[in-house]
Amino acid sequence: MKQLYQATLNKWGEDAQYDQMVEECAELITALKHFRRGKVDQQTVIDELADVTLMLGQLTWMFGTEAVEESVQKKLKKLNKLLETSA
C-alpha cells in the first residue's frame, strides 16, 4: 500500500489528495442521505464507503500512522467513558 500511496502523491500531489478526500466524503454524505430516502441502494453506499476508506488510508499514511492511531485510541477511550456514564 505504501508504494501505491507514494505513487498517488508523486502523480497528483498532497493538495489534490486533500481535495479528493473532501470530494469522497461529500459523495458518501450524499449517498447516505439518498439511501435514507430510498433513492439509492445499499451497494451505492458501500461503494462510497470504499472510496472514503481508501482515502482514509492515504491520509493516515500522509499524516503518520502512529499519530493517527494514537488519536484513535484517545477517541475510543472517550467513547467508552461516554457509554459508561449513559448506561
PDB file of N, CA and C in Angstrom:
ATOM      1  N   MET A   1       0.815  -1.197   0.000  1.00  0.00           N
ATOM      2  CA  MET A   1       0.000   0.000   0.000  1.00  0.00           C
ATOM      3  C   MET A   1       0.859   1.261   0.000  1.00  0.00           C
ATOM      4  N   LYS A   2       1.962   1.219   0.743  1.00  0.00           N
ATOM      5  CA  LYS A   2       2.800   2.407   0.830  1.00  0.00           C
ATOM      6  C   LYS A   2       3.266   2.858  -0.553  1.00  0.00           C
ATOM      7  N   GLN A   3       3.590   1.892  -1.403  1.00  0.00           N
ATOM      8  CA  GLN A   3       4.030   2.238  -2.757  1.00  0.00           C
ATOM      9  C   GLN A   3       2.902   2.908  -3.535  1.00  0.00           C
ATOM     10  N   LEU A   4       1.690   2.400  -3.362  1.00  0.00           N
ATOM     11  CA  LEU A   4       0.536   2.985  -4.036  1.00  0.00           C
ATOM     12  C   LEU A   4       0.280   4.400  -3.532  1.00  0.00           C
ATOM     13  N   TYR A   5       0.334   4.581  -2.214  1.00  0.00           N
ATOM     14  CA  TYR A   5       0.133   5.913  -1.636  1.00  0.00           C
ATOM     15  C   TYR A   5       1.201   6.889  -2.136  1.00  0.00           C
ATOM     16  N   GLN A   6       2.438   6.447  -2.164  1.00  0.00           N
ATOM     17  CA  GLN A   6       3.517   7.317  -2.637  1.00  0.00           C
ATOM     18  C   GLN A   6       3.329   7.642  -4.111  1.00  0.00           C
ATOM     19  N   ALA A   7       2.876   6.671  -4.877  1.00  0.00           N
ATOM     20  CA  ALA A   7       2.647   6.900  -6.302  1.00  0.00           C
ATOM     21  C   ALA A   7       1.559   7.947  -6.525  1.00  0.00           C
ATOM     22  N   THR A   8       0.506   7.916  -5.700  1.00  0.00           N
ATOM     23  CA  THR A   8      -0.552   8.923  -5.853  1.00  0.00           C
ATOM     24  C   THR A   8      -0.029  10.313  -5.514  1.00  0.00           C
ATOM     25  N   LEU A   9       0.808  10.387  -4.484  1.00  0.00           N
ATOM     26  CA  LEU A   9       1.402  11.684  -4.132  1.00  0.00           C
ATOM     27  C   LEU A   9       2.319  12.186  -5.236  1.00  0.00           C
ATOM     28  N   ASN A  10       3.111  11.288  -5.781  1.00  0.00           N
ATOM     29  CA  ASN A  10       4.019  11.664  -6.860  1.00  0.00           C
ATOM     30  C   ASN A  10       3.257  12.164  -8.085  1.00  0.00           C
ATOM     31  N   LYS A  11       2.140  11.518  -8.375  1.00  0.00           N
ATOM     32  CA  LYS A  11       1.383  11.862  -9.579  1.00  0.00           C
ATOM     33  C   LYS A  11       0.539  13.123  -9.400  1.00  0.00           C
ATOM     34  N   TRP A  12      -0.187  13.227  -8.254  1.00  0.00           N
ATOM     35  CA  TRP A  12      -1.149  14.310  -8.099  1.00  0.00           C
ATOM     36  C   TRP A  12      -0.790  15.344  -7.028  1.00  0.00           C
ATOM     37  N   GLY A  13       0.063  14.987  -6.082  1.00  0.00           N
ATOM     38  CA  GLY A  13       0.455  15.923  -5.033  1.00  0.00           C
ATOM     39  C   GLY A  13      -0.478  15.915  -3.834  1.00  0.00           C
ATOM     40  N   GLU A  14      -0.001  16.492  -2.740  1.00  0.00           N
ATOM     41  CA  GLU A  14      -0.750  16.492  -1.480  1.00  0.00           C
ATOM     42  C   GLU A  14      -2.068  17.247  -1.580  1.00  0.00           C
ATOM     43  N   ASP A  15      -2.035  18.437  -2.134  1.00  0.00           N
ATOM     44  CA  ASP A  15      -3.260  19.234  -2.193  1.00  0.00           C
ATOM     45  C   ASP A  15      -4.378  18.501  -2.920  1.00  0.00           C
ATOM     46  N   ALA A  16      -4.031  17.814  -3.989  1.00  0.00           N
ATOM     47  CA  ALA A  16      -5.036  17.056  -4.737  1.00  0.00           C
ATOM     48  C   ALA A  16      -5.604  15.925  -3.888  1.00  0.00           C
ATOM     49  N   GLN A  17      -4.776  15.327  -3.047  1.00  0.00           N
ATOM     50  CA  GLN A  17      -5.266  14.238  -2.200  1.00  0.00           C
ATOM     51  C   GLN A  17      -6.206  14.777  -1.120  1.00  0.00           C
ATOM     52  N   TYR A  18      -5.887  15.956  -0.580  1.00  0.00           N
ATOM     53  CA  TYR A  18      -6.804  16.570   0.391  1.00  0.00           C
ATOM     54  C   TYR A  18      -8.148  16.860  -0.280  1.00  0.00           C
ATOM     55  N   ASP A  19      -8.086  17.434  -1.467  1.00  0.00           N
ATOM     56  CA  ASP A  19      -9.316  17.738  -2.198  1.00  0.00           C
ATOM     57  C   ASP A  19     -10.096  16.475  -2.540  1.00  0.00           C
ATOM     58  N   GLN A  20      -9.382  15.422  -2.885  1.00  0.00           N
ATOM     59  CA  GLN A  20     -10.042  14.158  -3.223  1.00  0.00           C
ATOM     60  C   GLN A  20     -10.769  13.606  -2.010  1.00  0.00           C
ATOM     61  N   MET A  21     -10.164  13.713  -0.833  1.00  0.00           N
ATOM     62  CA  MET A  21     -10.823  13.234   0.383  1.00  0.00           C
ATOM     63  C   MET A  21     -12.104  14.011   0.645  1.00  0.00           C
ATOM     64  N   VAL A  22     -12.050  15.316   0.483  1.00  0.00           N
ATOM     65  CA  VAL A  22     -13.245  16.145   0.670  1.00  0.00           C
ATOM     66  C   VAL A  22     -14.344  15.695  -0.300  1.00  0.00           C
ATOM     67  N   GLU A  23     -13.971  15.479  -1.539  1.00  0.00           N
ATOM     68  CA  GLU A  23     -14.928  15.052  -2.545  1.00  0.00           C
ATOM     69  C   GLU A  23     -15.538  13.697  -2.196  1.00  0.00           C
ATOM     70  N   GLU A  24     -14.694  12.751  -1.788  1.00  0.00           N
ATOM     71  CA  GLU A  24     -15.199  11.418  -1.448  1.00  0.00           C
ATOM     72  C   GLU A  24     -16.122  11.470  -0.228  1.00  0.00           C
ATOM     73  N   CYS A  25     -15.782  12.290   0.754  1.00  0.00           N
ATOM     74  CA  CYS A  25     -16.654  12.432   1.928  1.00  0.00           C
ATOM     75  C   CYS A  25     -17.998  13.033   1.535  1.00  0.00           C
ATOM     76  N   ALA A  26     -17.962  14.019   0.664  1.00  0.00           N
ATOM     77  CA  ALA A  26     -19.203  14.633   0.197  1.00  0.00           C
ATOM     78  C   ALA A  26     -20.070  13.619  -0.547  1.00  0.00           C
ATOM     79  N   GLU A  27     -19.436  12.787  -1.353  1.00  0.00           N
ATOM     80  CA  GLU A  27     -20.187  11.764  -2.083  1.00  0.00           C
ATOM     81  C   GLU A  27     -20.790  10.745  -1.124  1.00  0.00           C
ATOM     82  N   LEU A  28     -20.067  10.408  -0.062  1.00  0.00           N
ATOM     83  CA  LEU A  28     -20.618   9.485   0.935  1.00  0.00           C
ATOM     84  C   LEU A  28     -21.806  10.119   1.657  1.00  0.00           C
ATOM     85  N   ILE A  29     -21.669  11.375   2.025  1.00  0.00           N
ATOM     86  CA  ILE A  29     -22.776  12.080   2.679  1.00  0.00           C
ATOM     87  C   ILE A  29     -24.013  12.061   1.786  1.00  0.00           C
ATOM     88  N   THR A  30     -23.819  12.379   0.523  1.00  0.00           N
ATOM     89  CA  THR A  30     -24.935  12.382  -0.417  1.00  0.00           C
ATOM     90  C   THR A  30     -25.557  10.999  -0.543  1.00  0.00           C
ATOM     91  N   ALA A  31     -24.717   9.984  -0.658  1.00  0.00           N
ATOM     92  CA  ALA A  31     -25.225   8.610  -0.786  1.00  0.00           C
ATOM     93  C   ALA A  31     -26.024   8.204   0.450  1.00  0.00           C
ATOM     94  N   LEU A  32     -25.540   8.570   1.630  1.00  0.00           N
ATOM     95  CA  LEU A  32     -26.264   8.229   2.852  1.00  0.00           C
ATOM     96  C   LEU A  32     -27.617   8.933   2.925  1.00  0.00           C
ATOM     97  N   LYS A  33     -27.644  10.207   2.554  1.00  0.00           N
ATOM     98  CA  LYS A  33     -28.914  10.942   2.547  1.00  0.00           C
ATOM     99  C   LYS A  33     -29.884  10.309   1.549  1.00  0.00           C
ATOM    100  N   HIS A  34     -29.396   9.959   0.377  1.00  0.00           N
ATOM    101  CA  HIS A  34     -30.241   9.332  -0.635  1.00  0.00           C
ATOM    102  C   HIS A  34     -30.686   7.938  -0.204  1.00  0.00           C
ATOM    103  N   PHE A  35     -29.823   7.209   0.462  1.00  0.00           N
ATOM    104  CA  PHE A  35     -30.172   5.865   0.945  1.00  0.00           C
ATOM    105  C   PHE A  35     -31.321   5.942   1.954  1.00  0.00           C
ATOM    106  N   ARG A  36     -31.235   6.878   2.867  1.00  0.00           N
ATOM    107  CA  ARG A  36     -32.295   7.033   3.869  1.00  0.00           C
ATOM    108  C   ARG A  36     -33.639   7.360   3.237  1.00  0.00           C
ATOM    109  N   ARG A  37     -33.610   8.006   2.069  1.00  0.00           N
ATOM    110  CA  ARG A  37     -34.847   8.361   1.370  1.00  0.00           C
ATOM    111  C   ARG A  37     -35.234   7.338   0.296  1.00  0.00           C
ATOM    112  N   GLY A  38     -34.465   6.248   0.221  1.00  0.00           N
ATOM    113  CA  GLY A  38     -34.788   5.195  -0.730  1.00  0.00           C
ATOM    114  C   GLY A  38     -34.443   5.514  -2.175  1.00  0.00           C
ATOM    115  N   LYS A  39     -33.562   6.479  -2.396  1.00  0.00           N
ATOM    116  CA  LYS A  39     -33.204   6.866  -3.759  1.00  0.00           C
ATOM    117  C   LYS A  39     -32.024   6.078  -4.321  1.00  0.00           C
ATOM    118  N   VAL A  40     -31.214   5.474  -3.455  1.00  0.00           N
ATOM    119  CA  VAL A  40     -30.100   4.629  -3.896  1.00  0.00           C
ATOM    120  C   VAL A  40     -30.108   3.355  -3.073  1.00  0.00           C
ATOM    121  N   ASP A  41     -29.437   2.338  -3.597  1.00  0.00           N
ATOM    122  CA  ASP A  41     -29.380   1.070  -2.874  1.00  0.00           C
ATOM    123  C   ASP A  41     -28.158   1.002  -1.954  1.00  0.00           C
ATOM    124  N   GLN A  42     -28.100  -0.062  -1.188  1.00  0.00           N
ATOM    125  CA  GLN A  42     -27.020  -0.265  -0.225  1.00  0.00           C
ATOM    126  C   GLN A  42     -25.650  -0.319  -0.910  1.00  0.00           C
ATOM    127  N   GLN A  43     -25.597  -0.891  -2.095  1.00  0.00           N
ATOM    128  CA  GLN A  43     -24.317  -1.010  -2.800  1.00  0.00           C
ATOM    129  C   GLN A  43     -23.724   0.361  -3.114  1.00  0.00           C
ATOM    130  N   THR A  44     -24.557   1.331  -3.385  1.00  0.00           N
ATOM    131  CA  THR A  44     -24.069   2.689  -3.645  1.00  0.00           C
ATOM    132  C   THR A  44     -23.350   3.230  -2.414  1.00  0.00           C
ATOM    133  N   VAL A  45     -23.947   3.018  -1.254  1.00  0.00           N
ATOM    134  CA  VAL A  45     -23.319   3.463  -0.012  1.00  0.00           C
ATOM    135  C   VAL A  45     -22.012   2.701   0.216  1.00  0.00           C
ATOM    136  N   ILE A  46     -22.026   1.418  -0.019  1.00  0.00           N
ATOM    137  CA  ILE A  46     -20.829   0.591   0.154  1.00  0.00           C
ATOM    138  C   ILE A  46     -19.708   1.079  -0.765  1.00  0.00           C
ATOM    139  N   ASP A  47     -20.039   1.382  -1.998  1.00  0.00           N
ATOM    140  CA  ASP A  47     -19.029   1.878  -2.943  1.00  0.00           C
ATOM    141  C   ASP A  47     -18.427   3.197  -2.465  1.00  0.00           C
ATOM    142  N   GLU A  48     -19.259   4.081  -1.944  1.00  0.00           N
ATOM    143  CA  GLU A  48     -18.753   5.355  -1.430  1.00  0.00           C
ATOM    144  C   GLU A  48     -17.932   5.150  -0.159  1.00  0.00           C
ATOM    145  N   LEU A  49     -18.347   4.212   0.683  1.00  0.00           N
ATOM    146  CA  LEU A  49     -17.551   3.862   1.871  1.00  0.00           C
ATOM    147  C   LEU A  49     -16.176   3.356   1.459  1.00  0.00           C
ATOM    148  N   ALA A  50     -16.131   2.563   0.405  1.00  0.00           N
ATOM    149  CA  ALA A  50     -14.846   2.049  -0.089  1.00  0.00           C
ATOM    150  C   ALA A  50     -13.945   3.195  -0.542  1.00  0.00           C
ATOM    151  N   ASP A  51     -14.512   4.164  -1.257  1.00  0.00           N
ATOM    152  CA  ASP A  51     -13.714   5.313  -1.695  1.00  0.00           C
ATOM    153  C   ASP A  51     -13.159   6.090  -0.505  1.00  0.00           C
ATOM    154  N   VAL A  52     -14.007   6.332   0.495  1.00  0.00           N
ATOM    155  CA  VAL A  52     -13.568   7.059   1.687  1.00  0.00           C
ATOM    156  C   VAL A  52     -12.520   6.246   2.447  1.00  0.00           C
ATOM    157  N   THR A  53     -12.715   4.942   2.524  1.00  0.00           N
ATOM    158  CA  THR A  53     -11.761   4.071   3.219  1.00  0.00           C
ATOM    159  C   THR A  53     -10.385   4.149   2.559  1.00  0.00           C
ATOM    160  N   LEU A  54     -10.357   4.128   1.241  1.00  0.00           N
ATOM    161  CA  LEU A  54      -9.080   4.241   0.529  1.00  0.00           C
ATOM    162  C   LEU A  54      -8.415   5.588   0.804  1.00  0.00           C
ATOM    163  N   MET A  55      -9.197   6.645   0.805  1.00  0.00           N
ATOM    164  CA  MET A  55      -8.636   7.963   1.074  1.00  0.00           C
ATOM    165  C   MET A  55      -8.214   8.098   2.537  1.00  0.00           C
ATOM    166  N   LEU A  56      -8.932   7.458   3.449  1.00  0.00           N
ATOM    167  CA  LEU A  56      -8.502   7.448   4.848  1.00  0.00           C
ATOM    168  C   LEU A  56      -7.134   6.805   4.979  1.00  0.00           C
ATOM    169  N   GLY A  57      -6.934   5.710   4.262  1.00  0.00           N
ATOM    170  CA  GLY A  57      -5.631   5.059   4.271  1.00  0.00           C
ATOM    171  C   GLY A  57      -4.547   5.981   3.749  1.00  0.00           C
ATOM    172  N   GLN A  58      -4.863   6.665   2.661  1.00  0.00           N
ATOM    173  CA  GLN A  58      -3.900   7.592   2.062  1.00  0.00           C
ATOM    174  C   GLN A  58      -3.541   8.712   3.036  1.00  0.00           C
ATOM    175  N   LEU A  59      -4.546   9.354   3.610  1.00  0.00           N
ATOM    176  CA  LEU A  59      -4.276  10.470   4.507  1.00  0.00           C
ATOM    177  C   LEU A  59      -3.649  10.011   5.819  1.00  0.00           C
ATOM    178  N   THR A  60      -4.034   8.845   6.300  1.00  0.00           N
ATOM    179  CA  THR A  60      -3.409   8.302   7.503  1.00  0.00           C
ATOM    180  C   THR A  60      -1.917   8.107   7.259  1.00  0.00           C
ATOM    181  N   TRP A  61      -1.581   7.564   6.118  1.00  0.00           N
ATOM    182  CA  TRP A  61      -0.176   7.384   5.758  1.00  0.00           C
ATOM    183  C   TRP A  61       0.521   8.737   5.644  1.00  0.00           C
ATOM    184  N   MET A  62      -0.147   9.710   5.036  1.00  0.00           N
ATOM    185  CA  MET A  62       0.455  11.024   4.837  1.00  0.00           C
ATOM    186  C   MET A  62       0.729  11.734   6.171  1.00  0.00           C
ATOM    187  N   PHE A  63      -0.206  11.630   7.105  1.00  0.00           N
ATOM    188  CA  PHE A  63      -0.055  12.325   8.383  1.00  0.00           C
ATOM    189  C   PHE A  63       0.716  11.522   9.419  1.00  0.00           C
ATOM    190  N   GLY A  64       0.865  10.231   9.170  1.00  0.00           N
ATOM    191  CA  GLY A  64       1.606   9.369  10.083  1.00  0.00           C
ATOM    192  C   GLY A  64       0.695   8.382  10.785  1.00  0.00           C
ATOM    193  N   THR A  65       0.902   7.129  10.492  1.00  0.00           N
ATOM    194  CA  THR A  65       0.051   6.066  11.019  1.00  0.00           C
ATOM    195  C   THR A  65       0.043   6.051  12.545  1.00  0.00           C
ATOM    196  N   GLU A  66       1.196   6.201  13.142  1.00  0.00           N
ATOM    197  CA  GLU A  66       1.273   6.159  14.605  1.00  0.00           C
ATOM    198  C   GLU A  66       0.519   7.318  15.233  1.00  0.00           C
ATOM    199  N   ALA A  67       0.648   8.503  14.686  1.00  0.00           N
ATOM    200  CA  ALA A  67      -0.049   9.671  15.229  1.00  0.00           C
ATOM    201  C   ALA A  67      -1.561   9.497  15.119  1.00  0.00           C
ATOM    202  N   VAL A  68      -2.011   8.979  13.997  1.00  0.00           N
ATOM    203  CA  VAL A  68      -3.449   8.772  13.807  1.00  0.00           C
ATOM    204  C   VAL A  68      -3.947   7.690  14.756  1.00  0.00           C
ATOM    205  N   GLU A  69      -3.201   6.607  14.879  1.00  0.00           N
ATOM    206  CA  GLU A  69      -3.614   5.519  15.777  1.00  0.00           C
ATOM    207  C   GLU A  69      -3.676   5.995  17.222  1.00  0.00           C
ATOM    208  N   GLU A  70      -2.736   6.819  17.623  1.00  0.00           N
ATOM    209  CA  GLU A  70      -2.749   7.375  18.976  1.00  0.00           C
ATOM    210  C   GLU A  70      -4.019   8.204  19.207  1.00  0.00           C
ATOM    211  N   SER A  71      -4.373   8.996  18.229  1.00  0.00           N
ATOM    212  CA  SER A  71      -5.587   9.805  18.343  1.00  0.00           C
ATOM    213  C   SER A  71      -6.833   8.929  18.362  1.00  0.00           C
ATOM    214  N   VAL A  72      -6.849   7.876  17.562  1.00  0.00           N
ATOM    215  CA  VAL A  72      -7.979   6.944  17.556  1.00  0.00           C
ATOM    216  C   VAL A  72      -8.143   6.314  18.937  1.00  0.00           C
ATOM    217  N   GLN A  73      -7.049   5.907  19.542  1.00  0.00           N
ATOM    218  CA  GLN A  73      -7.126   5.288  20.869  1.00  0.00           C
ATOM    219  C   GLN A  73      -7.690   6.270  21.898  1.00  0.00           C
ATOM    220  N   LYS A  74      -7.294   7.526  21.833  1.00  0.00           N
ATOM    221  CA  LYS A  74      -7.842   8.545  22.737  1.00  0.00           C
ATOM    222  C   LYS A  74      -9.340   8.692  22.529  1.00  0.00           C
ATOM    223  N   LYS A  75      -9.764   8.706  21.271  1.00  0.00           N
ATOM    224  CA  LYS A  75     -11.191   8.842  20.959  1.00  0.00           C
ATOM    225  C   LYS A  75     -11.979   7.629  21.441  1.00  0.00           C
ATOM    226  N   LEU A  76     -11.387   6.446  21.324  1.00  0.00           N
ATOM    227  CA  LEU A  76     -12.062   5.235  21.810  1.00  0.00           C
ATOM    228  C   LEU A  76     -12.239   5.266  23.323  1.00  0.00           C
ATOM    229  N   LYS A  77     -11.231   5.733  24.028  1.00  0.00           N
ATOM    230  CA  LYS A  77     -11.346   5.861  25.488  1.00  0.00           C
ATOM    231  C   LYS A  77     -12.463   6.829  25.850  1.00  0.00           C
ATOM    232  N   LYS A  78     -12.516   7.936  25.148  1.00  0.00           N
ATOM    233  CA  LYS A  78     -13.565   8.929  25.397  1.00  0.00           C
ATOM    234  C   LYS A  78     -14.946   8.337  25.127  1.00  0.00           C
ATOM    235  N   LEU A  79     -15.072   7.591  24.034  1.00  0.00           N
ATOM    236  CA  LEU A  79     -16.338   6.955  23.698  1.00  0.00           C
ATOM    237  C   LEU A  79     -16.748   5.949  24.764  1.00  0.00           C
ATOM    238  N   ASN A  80     -15.797   5.157  25.240  1.00  0.00           N
ATOM    239  CA  ASN A  80     -16.100   4.182  26.300  1.00  0.00           C
ATOM    240  C   ASN A  80     -16.601   4.876  27.556  1.00  0.00           C
ATOM    241  N   LYS A  81     -15.990   5.992  27.910  1.00  0.00           N
ATOM    242  CA  LYS A  81     -16.430   6.751  29.096  1.00  0.00           C
ATOM    243  C   LYS A  81     -17.839   7.282  28.900  1.00  0.00           C
ATOM    244  N   LEU A  82     -18.126   7.773  27.710  1.00  0.00           N
ATOM    245  CA  LEU A  82     -19.482   8.257  27.419  1.00  0.00           C
ATOM    246  C   LEU A  82     -20.510   7.146  27.521  1.00  0.00           C
ATOM    247  N   LEU A  83     -20.150   5.975  27.034  1.00  0.00           N
ATOM    248  CA  LEU A  83     -21.064   4.830  27.103  1.00  0.00           C
ATOM    249  C   LEU A  83     -21.292   4.381  28.539  1.00  0.00           C
ATOM    250  N   GLU A  84     -20.250   4.428  29.355  1.00  0.00           N
ATOM    251  CA  GLU A  84     -20.367   4.039  30.765  1.00  0.00           C
ATOM    252  C   GLU A  84     -21.257   4.995  31.530  1.00  0.00           C
ATOM    253  N   THR A  85     -21.147   6.283  31.261  1.00  0.00           N
ATOM    254  CA  THR A  85     -21.932   7.265  32.005  1.00  0.00           C
ATOM    255  C   THR A  85     -23.376   7.336  31.539  1.00  0.00           C
ATOM    256  N   SER A  86     -23.655   6.892  30.336  1.00  0.00           N
ATOM    257  CA  SER A  86     -25.037   6.949  29.829  1.00  0.00           C
ATOM    258  C   SER A  86     -25.815   5.670  30.095  1.00  0.00           C
ATOM    259  N   ALA A  87     -25.152   4.683  30.671  1.00  0.00           N
ATOM    260  CA  ALA A  87     -25.826   3.386  30.908  1.00  0.00           C
ATOM    261  C   ALA A  87     -26.676   3.410  32.150  1.00  0.00           C
TER     262      ALA A  87
END
